[in-house]
Structure formats: structure tokens, C-alpha cells
């Protein structure tokens, strides 16, 4: 009997702790629910103002706090308006899968099918464009070449080298001209020898100007060839994908 009396206060203490913990959990759940309702109202106001980006953020916060599956519908609609098809599809599918007796089941299912079809068509178009790009860059023997969208590497490298040489030559001429008449040797604070422009100054300048002109001409000719090559290319949409033909 004495042992039972000793255990009783301990049991009462544990019960009191459990009750307090449950009360705190309930209070936190109530605060989360209130915050979720606030986020939902702010999201709905943003949606009505066509600010779908903010609406999506608020709806996601509301769902994170409340975990109400019905909010996935709002998330899906906002993402759909932003043309984020994968996000909208995921939210709509979650709405149907987790909401008991969803009231918008028919509407959401129809939108899911439309999104799935749109995503399939987009992916097929992207694959066709990639395949067409690969084919258009492959020569008869399978070697690659550059078409109208990009200059050949040889052009970029060669013209860049000419450009560097040209800049160096023009810079050398500019330095020579700037130093013309300046003092080269000073004795007792008096200039005894002045610098003068030599023939090499103009040689460097002439070479630099010629190199810059050559670089610009090289780029222009290559760009013109690429443009002509691009205009000779024909793109056709066929039942099996995108076909590219022309002269390369």
C-alpha cells in the first residue's frame, strides 16, 4: 500500500506533463492555422490583382503551415497562369490524390490532361530541334562544320591575332608621336638632346592600321559567307520531326 502511494504522485506528474505538451501542440497548431489563413487571403488578393508570382508564394506558405491538400488547387492555378507547366501539373495531381472528395475534380482532371499534352508536344519539339541542329552541323562524311549561326574558329583566331597586331602597331605609333620633341638628355637642367619621330614610327603605324583593316575584313567576309549559307538552308516540318536541307 505504501509503494502505491509513492507511485501515485509520479503518475500524476507525468499526466500533467503530457497534458501541458498536448496543450502547447494544440496552441502551435492554432497559430499555424491562423497564419495559413492570413497567407491564403494575401495570396487570393494578389491573384485578383494578376500578381501571380506573389500569389504563388503566399499559397505555398499557406500550404506549408496548414498542409491542407485543397490549397494545392490554388498553387496549381497560380503556377498555370505563370506558364510553369510542370509545377502546375504536380500541384493539380497532388490536389486530386490527397483531397478527400475534391469539388473541382472534373475541372482539374481536364487541365491535367491539357498540361500533359502540352509538355509532351514541347519536349518533342525540343528534341526535334536538337536533332535538326546536329544534322545541320554534320557534313556528308560525318565531320562537323559551322553554319550560319556561328563564325568558324579559324576566323575568330586569325582575325583576333591580326587585331592584336594592329592594336600594338597603332599604339607604338601613338607613343612615338607623343614623344616627338620631348627631352632625351638633360645637362645642368637644360635639355641637350630632343627625341624626334623616326621612319619606324610610321612603319609601325602603317602595319597596325593594315592589320586592323585585315581583321575587320576577315570577320566581314566570314559573316557574309555564313549568312549566305544560312539562307540556302531549308527547314521543313514533317510527320516524323523537323527536316533540314540545303547547301552546306
C-alpha atoms as a PDB file:
ATOM      1  CA  UNK A   1       0.000   0.000   0.000  1.00  0.00           C
ATOM      2  CA  UNK A   2       2.873   2.387   0.786  1.00  0.00           C
ATOM      3  CA  UNK A   3       4.521   1.733  -2.552  1.00  0.00           C
ATOM      4  CA  UNK A   4       1.289   2.553  -4.374  1.00  0.00           C
ATOM      5  CA  UNK A   5       1.062   5.874  -2.546  1.00  0.00           C
ATOM      6  CA  UNK A   6       4.662   6.663  -3.555  1.00  0.00           C
ATOM      7  CA  UNK A   7       3.995   5.921  -7.225  1.00  0.00           C
ATOM      8  CA  UNK A   8       0.808   7.988  -7.385  1.00  0.00           C
ATOM      9  CA  UNK A   9       2.499  11.470  -7.326  1.00  0.00           C
ATOM     10  CA  UNK A  10       4.878  10.357 -10.088  1.00  0.00           C
ATOM     11  CA  UNK A  11       1.962   9.233 -12.266  1.00  0.00           C
ATOM     12  CA  UNK A  12       0.141  12.486 -11.650  1.00  0.00           C
ATOM     13  CA  UNK A  13       3.285  14.450 -12.603  1.00  0.00           C
ATOM     14  CA  UNK A  14       3.651  12.533 -15.892  1.00  0.00           C
ATOM     15  CA  UNK A  15      -0.005  13.115 -16.703  1.00  0.00           C
ATOM     16  CA  UNK A  16       0.379  16.821 -16.033  1.00  0.00           C
ATOM     17  CA  UNK A  17       3.438  16.992 -18.312  1.00  0.00           C
ATOM     18  CA  UNK A  18       1.580  15.157 -21.076  1.00  0.00           C
ATOM     19  CA  UNK A  19      -1.386  17.473 -20.766  1.00  0.00           C
ATOM     20  CA  UNK A  20       0.888  20.526 -20.944  1.00  0.00           C
ATOM     21  CA  UNK A  21       2.675  19.170 -24.021  1.00  0.00           C
ATOM     22  CA  UNK A  22      -0.615  18.459 -25.767  1.00  0.00           C
ATOM     23  CA  UNK A  23      -1.835  21.951 -24.950  1.00  0.00           C
ATOM     24  CA  UNK A  24       1.309  23.522 -26.414  1.00  0.00           C
ATOM     25  CA  UNK A  25       0.987  21.434 -29.581  1.00  0.00           C
ATOM     26  CA  UNK A  26      -2.626  22.497 -29.943  1.00  0.00           C
ATOM     27  CA  UNK A  27      -1.693  26.132 -29.402  1.00  0.00           C
ATOM     28  CA  UNK A  28       1.059  25.929 -32.042  1.00  0.00           C
ATOM     29  CA  UNK A  29      -1.344  24.273 -34.472  1.00  0.00           C
ATOM     30  CA  UNK A  30      -3.796  27.084 -33.881  1.00  0.00           C
ATOM     31  CA  UNK A  31      -1.126  29.710 -34.559  1.00  0.00           C
ATOM     32  CA  UNK A  32      -0.065  27.915 -37.750  1.00  0.00           C
ATOM     33  CA  UNK A  33      -3.644  27.708 -38.917  1.00  0.00           C
ATOM     34  CA  UNK A  34      -4.192  31.413 -38.309  1.00  0.00           C
ATOM     35  CA  UNK A  35      -1.006  32.285 -40.177  1.00  0.00           C
ATOM     36  CA  UNK A  36      -2.020  29.959 -43.018  1.00  0.00           C
ATOM     37  CA  UNK A  37      -5.382  31.711 -43.339  1.00  0.00           C
ATOM     38  CA  UNK A  38      -3.583  35.067 -43.455  1.00  0.00           C
ATOM     39  CA  UNK A  39      -1.228  33.862 -46.190  1.00  0.00           C
ATOM     40  CA  UNK A  40      -4.153  32.435 -48.134  1.00  0.00           C
ATOM     41  CA  UNK A  41      -6.048  35.734 -48.031  1.00  0.00           C
ATOM     42  CA  UNK A  42      -2.952  37.627 -49.135  1.00  0.00           C
ATOM     43  CA  UNK A  43      -2.452  35.132 -51.942  1.00  0.00           C
ATOM     44  CA  UNK A  44      -6.045  35.479 -53.070  1.00  0.00           C
ATOM     45  CA  UNK A  45      -5.742  39.285 -53.093  1.00  0.00           C
ATOM     46  CA  UNK A  46      -2.539  39.088 -55.148  1.00  0.00           C
ATOM     47  CA  UNK A  47      -4.198  36.669 -57.561  1.00  0.00           C
ATOM     48  CA  UNK A  48      -7.128  39.017 -58.089  1.00  0.00           C
ATOM     49  CA  UNK A  49      -4.611  41.752 -58.934  1.00  0.00           C
ATOM     50  CA  UNK A  50      -2.992  39.408 -61.512  1.00  0.00           C
ATOM     51  CA  UNK A  51       0.195  39.292 -59.429  1.00  0.00           C
ATOM     52  CA  UNK A  52       0.512  35.548 -59.883  1.00  0.00           C
ATOM     53  CA  UNK A  53       4.130  35.372 -58.707  1.00  0.00           C
ATOM     54  CA  UNK A  54       3.286  36.739 -55.244  1.00  0.00           C
ATOM     55  CA  UNK A  55       0.063  34.725 -55.144  1.00  0.00           C
ATOM     56  CA  UNK A  56       2.019  31.523 -55.735  1.00  0.00           C
ATOM     57  CA  UNK A  57       4.434  32.381 -52.913  1.00  0.00           C
ATOM     58  CA  UNK A  58       1.622  33.108 -50.449  1.00  0.00           C
ATOM     59  CA  UNK A  59      -0.319  29.953 -51.387  1.00  0.00           C
ATOM     60  CA  UNK A  60       2.821  27.861 -50.869  1.00  0.00           C
ATOM     61  CA  UNK A  61       3.345  29.413 -47.418  1.00  0.00           C
ATOM     62  CA  UNK A  62      -0.273  28.683 -46.524  1.00  0.00           C
ATOM     63  CA  UNK A  63       0.104  25.054 -47.582  1.00  0.00           C
ATOM     64  CA  UNK A  64       3.390  24.670 -45.695  1.00  0.00           C
ATOM     65  CA  UNK A  65       1.764  25.815 -42.471  1.00  0.00           C
ATOM     66  CA  UNK A  66      -1.593  24.066 -42.748  1.00  0.00           C
ATOM     67  CA  UNK A  67      -0.830  21.131 -45.095  1.00  0.00           C
ATOM     68  CA  UNK A  68      -4.376  21.352 -46.380  1.00  0.00           C
ATOM     69  CA  UNK A  69      -4.453  19.480 -49.718  1.00  0.00           C
ATOM     70  CA  UNK A  70      -7.159  21.823 -51.042  1.00  0.00           C
ATOM     71  CA  UNK A  71      -4.529  24.557 -51.271  1.00  0.00           C
ATOM     72  CA  UNK A  72      -2.750  22.577 -53.980  1.00  0.00           C
ATOM     73  CA  UNK A  73      -5.545  23.692 -56.310  1.00  0.00           C
ATOM     74  CA  UNK A  74      -4.678  27.354 -55.699  1.00  0.00           C
ATOM     75  CA  UNK A  75      -0.987  26.605 -56.136  1.00  0.00           C
ATOM     76  CA  UNK A  76      -1.710  24.831 -59.405  1.00  0.00           C
ATOM     77  CA  UNK A  77      -3.822  27.663 -60.806  1.00  0.00           C
ATOM     78  CA  UNK A  78      -1.212  30.306 -59.934  1.00  0.00           C
ATOM     79  CA  UNK A  79       1.600  28.234 -61.450  1.00  0.00           C
ATOM     80  CA  UNK A  80      -0.543  27.611 -64.531  1.00  0.00           C
ATOM     81  CA  UNK A  81      -1.051  31.352 -65.027  1.00  0.00           C
ATOM     82  CA  UNK A  82       2.736  31.762 -64.858  1.00  0.00           C
ATOM     83  CA  UNK A  83       3.078  29.042 -67.529  1.00  0.00           C
ATOM     84  CA  UNK A  84       5.088  26.837 -65.186  1.00  0.00           C
ATOM     85  CA  UNK A  85       3.550  23.710 -66.564  1.00  0.00           C
ATOM     86  CA  UNK A  86       5.473  21.132 -64.522  1.00  0.00           C
ATOM     87  CA  UNK A  87       4.746  22.929 -61.235  1.00  0.00           C
ATOM     88  CA  UNK A  88       1.066  23.305 -62.109  1.00  0.00           C
ATOM     89  CA  UNK A  89       0.793  19.642 -63.114  1.00  0.00           C
ATOM     90  CA  UNK A  90       2.423  18.470 -59.884  1.00  0.00           C
ATOM     91  CA  UNK A  91       0.097  20.634 -57.760  1.00  0.00           C
ATOM     92  CA  UNK A  92      -3.062  19.527 -59.589  1.00  0.00           C
ATOM     93  CA  UNK A  93      -2.115  15.858 -59.314  1.00  0.00           C
ATOM     94  CA  UNK A  94      -1.439  16.312 -55.586  1.00  0.00           C
ATOM     95  CA  UNK A  95      -4.836  18.002 -55.202  1.00  0.00           C
ATOM     96  CA  UNK A  96      -6.659  15.035 -56.737  1.00  0.00           C
ATOM     97  CA  UNK A  97      -4.579  12.424 -54.932  1.00  0.00           C
ATOM     98  CA  UNK A  98      -4.776  13.883 -51.419  1.00  0.00           C
ATOM     99  CA  UNK A  99      -8.059  15.807 -51.211  1.00  0.00           C
ATOM    100  CA  UNK A 100     -10.993  13.763 -49.911  1.00  0.00           C
ATOM    101  CA  UNK A 101     -13.860  14.168 -52.385  1.00  0.00           C
ATOM    102  CA  UNK A 102     -12.369  17.123 -54.327  1.00  0.00           C
ATOM    103  CA  UNK A 103     -15.070  19.500 -55.514  1.00  0.00           C
ATOM    104  CA  UNK A 104     -13.126  20.528 -58.632  1.00  0.00           C
ATOM    105  CA  UNK A 105     -12.126  17.041 -59.731  1.00  0.00           C
ATOM    106  CA  UNK A 106     -13.525  17.256 -63.282  1.00  0.00           C
ATOM    107  CA  UNK A 107     -12.036  20.692 -63.944  1.00  0.00           C
ATOM    108  CA  UNK A 108      -8.634  19.715 -62.562  1.00  0.00           C
ATOM    109  CA  UNK A 109      -8.533  16.411 -64.442  1.00  0.00           C
ATOM    110  CA  UNK A 110      -9.237  18.210 -67.702  1.00  0.00           C
ATOM    111  CA  UNK A 111      -6.455  20.684 -67.008  1.00  0.00           C
ATOM    112  CA  UNK A 112      -4.059  17.866 -66.087  1.00  0.00           C
ATOM    113  CA  UNK A 113      -4.646  16.202 -69.452  1.00  0.00           C
ATOM    114  CA  UNK A 114      -4.107  19.502 -71.275  1.00  0.00           C
ATOM    115  CA  UNK A 115      -0.855  20.141 -69.388  1.00  0.00           C
ATOM    116  CA  UNK A 116       0.420  16.635 -70.056  1.00  0.00           C
ATOM    117  CA  UNK A 117      -0.300  17.048 -73.765  1.00  0.00           C
ATOM    118  CA  UNK A 118       1.406  20.462 -73.846  1.00  0.00           C
ATOM    119  CA  UNK A 119       4.502  19.147 -72.072  1.00  0.00           C
ATOM    120  CA  UNK A 120       4.749  16.177 -74.459  1.00  0.00           C
ATOM    121  CA  UNK A 121       4.484  18.458 -77.503  1.00  0.00           C
ATOM    122  CA  UNK A 122       7.070  20.861 -76.107  1.00  0.00           C
ATOM    123  CA  UNK A 123       9.516  18.077 -75.332  1.00  0.00           C
ATOM    124  CA  UNK A 124       9.019  16.563 -78.807  1.00  0.00           C
ATOM    125  CA  UNK A 125       9.662  19.939 -80.445  1.00  0.00           C
ATOM    126  CA  UNK A 126      12.805  20.489 -78.394  1.00  0.00           C
ATOM    127  CA  UNK A 127      14.108  17.023 -79.292  1.00  0.00           C
ATOM    128  CA  UNK A 128      13.387  17.660 -82.969  1.00  0.00           C
ATOM    129  CA  UNK A 129      15.241  20.971 -82.881  1.00  0.00           C
ATOM    130  CA  UNK A 130      18.238  19.359 -81.202  1.00  0.00           C
ATOM    131  CA  UNK A 131      18.308  16.544 -83.752  1.00  0.00           C
ATOM    132  CA  UNK A 132      17.949  19.025 -86.608  1.00  0.00           C
ATOM    133  CA  UNK A 133      20.811  21.114 -85.233  1.00  0.00           C
ATOM    134  CA  UNK A 134      23.036  18.043 -85.002  1.00  0.00           C
ATOM    135  CA  UNK A 135      22.155  17.013 -88.558  1.00  0.00           C
ATOM    136  CA  UNK A 136      22.705  20.503 -89.934  1.00  0.00           C
ATOM    137  CA  UNK A 137      26.202  20.552 -88.436  1.00  0.00           C
ATOM    138  CA  UNK A 138      27.206  17.182 -89.903  1.00  0.00           C
ATOM    139  CA  UNK A 139      28.816  17.060 -93.334  1.00  0.00           C
ATOM    140  CA  UNK A 140      28.500  14.157 -95.811  1.00  0.00           C
ATOM    141  CA  UNK A 141      31.266  12.203 -94.081  1.00  0.00           C
ATOM    142  CA  UNK A 142      30.054  12.961 -90.584  1.00  0.00           C
ATOM    143  CA  UNK A 143      32.504  15.780 -89.970  1.00  0.00           C
ATOM    144  CA  UNK A 144      31.181  18.877 -88.276  1.00  0.00           C
ATOM    145  CA  UNK A 145      31.145  22.372 -89.671  1.00  0.00           C
ATOM    146  CA  UNK A 146      29.830  25.770 -88.666  1.00  0.00           C
ATOM    147  CA  UNK A 147      26.612  27.034 -90.220  1.00  0.00           C
ATOM    148  CA  UNK A 148      25.038  30.473 -90.367  1.00  0.00           C
ATOM    149  CA  UNK A 149      24.765  30.959 -86.642  1.00  0.00           C
ATOM    150  CA  UNK A 150      28.434  30.994 -85.681  1.00  0.00           C
ATOM    151  CA  UNK A 151      31.769  32.028 -87.176  1.00  0.00           C
ATOM    152  CA  UNK A 152      34.433  29.328 -87.743  1.00  0.00           C
ATOM    153  CA  UNK A 153      37.092  29.048 -85.070  1.00  0.00           C
ATOM    154  CA  UNK A 154      39.829  29.673 -87.646  1.00  0.00           C
ATOM    155  CA  UNK A 155      38.249  33.017 -88.495  1.00  0.00           C
ATOM    156  CA  UNK A 156      37.941  34.037 -84.854  1.00  0.00           C
ATOM    157  CA  UNK A 157      41.534  33.009 -84.069  1.00  0.00           C
ATOM    158  CA  UNK A 158      43.141  34.532 -87.182  1.00  0.00           C
ATOM    159  CA  UNK A 159      41.224  37.782 -87.109  1.00  0.00           C
ATOM    160  CA  UNK A 160      41.882  38.144 -83.380  1.00  0.00           C
ATOM    161  CA  UNK A 161      45.638  37.771 -83.926  1.00  0.00           C
ATOM    162  CA  UNK A 162      45.528  40.424 -86.643  1.00  0.00           C
ATOM    163  CA  UNK A 163      43.564  42.656 -84.313  1.00  0.00           C
ATOM    164  CA  UNK A 164      46.166  42.316 -81.559  1.00  0.00           C
ATOM    165  CA  UNK A 165      48.981  43.093 -84.011  1.00  0.00           C
ATOM    166  CA  UNK A 166      47.064  46.084 -85.308  1.00  0.00           C
ATOM    167  CA  UNK A 167      46.465  47.496 -81.861  1.00  0.00           C
ATOM    168  CA  UNK A 168      50.146  47.056 -80.973  1.00  0.00           C
ATOM    169  CA  UNK A 169      51.285  48.847 -84.147  1.00  0.00           C
ATOM    170  CA  UNK A 170      48.919  51.767 -83.710  1.00  0.00           C
ATOM    171  CA  UNK A 171      49.896  52.055 -80.037  1.00  0.00           C
ATOM    172  CA  UNK A 172      53.582  52.127 -80.964  1.00  0.00           C
ATOM    173  CA  UNK A 173      52.957  54.904 -83.462  1.00  0.00           C
ATOM    174  CA  UNK A 174      50.955  56.874 -80.904  1.00  0.00           C
ATOM    175  CA  UNK A 175      53.776  56.601 -78.364  1.00  0.00           C
ATOM    176  CA  UNK A 176      56.345  57.708 -80.941  1.00  0.00           C
ATOM    177  CA  UNK A 177      54.333  60.714 -81.972  1.00  0.00           C
ATOM    178  CA  UNK A 178      53.666  61.680 -78.358  1.00  0.00           C
ATOM    179  CA  UNK A 179      57.371  61.621 -77.501  1.00  0.00           C
ATOM    180  CA  UNK A 180      58.384  63.721 -80.532  1.00  0.00           C
ATOM    181  CA  UNK A 181      60.178  66.840 -79.302  1.00  0.00           C
ATOM    182  CA  UNK A 182      60.466  65.663 -75.712  1.00  0.00           C
ATOM    183  CA  UNK A 183      63.794  65.877 -73.951  1.00  0.00           C
ATOM    184  CA  UNK A 184      66.008  62.812 -74.173  1.00  0.00           C
ATOM    185  CA  UNK A 185      69.175  64.046 -72.362  1.00  0.00           C
ATOM    186  CA  UNK A 186      69.350  66.843 -69.775  1.00  0.00           C
ATOM    187  CA  UNK A 187      72.590  68.528 -68.599  1.00  0.00           C
ATOM    188  CA  UNK A 188      72.529  71.108 -65.791  1.00  0.00           C
ATOM    189  CA  UNK A 189      68.735  71.313 -66.029  1.00  0.00           C
ATOM    190  CA  UNK A 190      68.968  72.133 -69.715  1.00  0.00           C
ATOM    191  CA  UNK A 191      67.785  69.872 -72.499  1.00  0.00           C
ATOM    192  CA  UNK A 192      70.666  68.965 -74.766  1.00  0.00           C
ATOM    193  CA  UNK A 193      69.016  66.319 -76.925  1.00  0.00           C
ATOM    194  CA  UNK A 194      65.404  66.097 -78.064  1.00  0.00           C
ATOM    195  CA  UNK A 195      63.577  62.993 -79.240  1.00  0.00           C
ATOM    196  CA  UNK A 196      62.368  63.028 -82.812  1.00  0.00           C
ATOM    197  CA  UNK A 197      59.958  60.872 -84.765  1.00  0.00           C
ATOM    198  CA  UNK A 198      61.636  58.255 -86.926  1.00  0.00           C
ATOM    199  CA  UNK A 199      60.513  56.413 -90.026  1.00  0.00           C
ATOM    200  CA  UNK A 200      59.869  53.334 -87.904  1.00  0.00           C
ATOM    201  CA  UNK A 201      57.095  55.171 -86.070  1.00  0.00           C
ATOM    202  CA  UNK A 202      55.128  55.442 -89.286  1.00  0.00           C
ATOM    203  CA  UNK A 203      56.033  51.900 -90.312  1.00  0.00           C
ATOM    204  CA  UNK A 204      54.593  50.542 -87.079  1.00  0.00           C
ATOM    205  CA  UNK A 205      51.505  52.674 -87.516  1.00  0.00           C
ATOM    206  CA  UNK A 206      51.001  51.595 -91.100  1.00  0.00           C
ATOM    207  CA  UNK A 207      51.361  47.932 -90.221  1.00  0.00           C
ATOM    208  CA  UNK A 208      48.955  48.342 -87.318  1.00  0.00           C
ATOM    209  CA  UNK A 209      46.300  50.033 -89.452  1.00  0.00           C
ATOM    210  CA  UNK A 210      46.685  47.392 -92.156  1.00  0.00           C
ATOM    211  CA  UNK A 211      46.347  44.599 -89.587  1.00  0.00           C
ATOM    212  CA  UNK A 212      43.196  46.126 -88.105  1.00  0.00           C
ATOM    213  CA  UNK A 213      41.705  46.532 -91.577  1.00  0.00           C
ATOM    214  CA  UNK A 214      42.566  42.929 -92.391  1.00  0.00           C
ATOM    215  CA  UNK A 215      40.964  41.700 -89.183  1.00  0.00           C
ATOM    216  CA  UNK A 216      37.746  43.606 -89.875  1.00  0.00           C
ATOM    217  CA  UNK A 217      37.660  42.410 -93.482  1.00  0.00           C
ATOM    218  CA  UNK A 218      38.194  38.797 -92.417  1.00  0.00           C
ATOM    219  CA  UNK A 219      35.303  38.976 -89.978  1.00  0.00           C
ATOM    220  CA  UNK A 220      33.050  40.652 -92.552  1.00  0.00           C
ATOM    221  CA  UNK A 221      33.752  38.117 -95.306  1.00  0.00           C
ATOM    222  CA  UNK A 222      33.238  35.166 -92.971  1.00  0.00           C
ATOM    223  CA  UNK A 223      29.989  36.603 -91.619  1.00  0.00           C
ATOM    224  CA  UNK A 224      28.743  37.177 -95.171  1.00  0.00           C
ATOM    225  CA  UNK A 225      29.515  33.584 -96.124  1.00  0.00           C
ATOM    226  CA  UNK A 226      27.719  32.274 -93.053  1.00  0.00           C
ATOM    227  CA  UNK A 227      24.704  34.427 -93.809  1.00  0.00           C
ATOM    228  CA  UNK A 228      24.554  33.159 -97.390  1.00  0.00           C
ATOM    229  CA  UNK A 229      24.903  29.585 -96.158  1.00  0.00           C
ATOM    230  CA  UNK A 230      22.061  30.110 -93.701  1.00  0.00           C
ATOM    231  CA  UNK A 231      19.734  31.466 -96.411  1.00  0.00           C
ATOM    232  CA  UNK A 232      20.384  28.377 -98.520  1.00  0.00           C
ATOM    233  CA  UNK A 233      19.201  26.145 -95.692  1.00  0.00           C
ATOM    234  CA  UNK A 234      15.607  24.897 -95.787  1.00  0.00           C
ATOM    235  CA  UNK A 235      13.698  23.859 -92.660  1.00  0.00           C
ATOM    236  CA  UNK A 236      10.648  21.638 -93.114  1.00  0.00           C
ATOM    237  CA  UNK A 237       8.230  20.239 -90.564  1.00  0.00           C
ATOM    238  CA  UNK A 238       7.454  16.599 -91.371  1.00  0.00           C
ATOM    239  CA  UNK A 239       5.311  13.989 -89.548  1.00  0.00           C
ATOM    240  CA  UNK A 240       8.496  12.494 -88.122  1.00  0.00           C
ATOM    241  CA  UNK A 241      10.039  15.743 -86.975  1.00  0.00           C
ATOM    242  CA  UNK A 242      11.971  18.727 -88.293  1.00  0.00           C
ATOM    243  CA  UNK A 243      13.958  18.207 -91.522  1.00  0.00           C
ATOM    244  CA  UNK A 244      16.860  20.424 -92.576  1.00  0.00           C
ATOM    245  CA  UNK A 245      18.199  20.527 -96.118  1.00  0.00           C
ATOM    246  CA  UNK A 246      20.246  22.876 -98.250  1.00  0.00           C
ATOM    247  CA  UNK A 247      23.783  23.664 -99.314  1.00  0.00           C
ATOM    248  CA  UNK A 248      26.463  23.460 -96.702  1.00  0.00           C
END
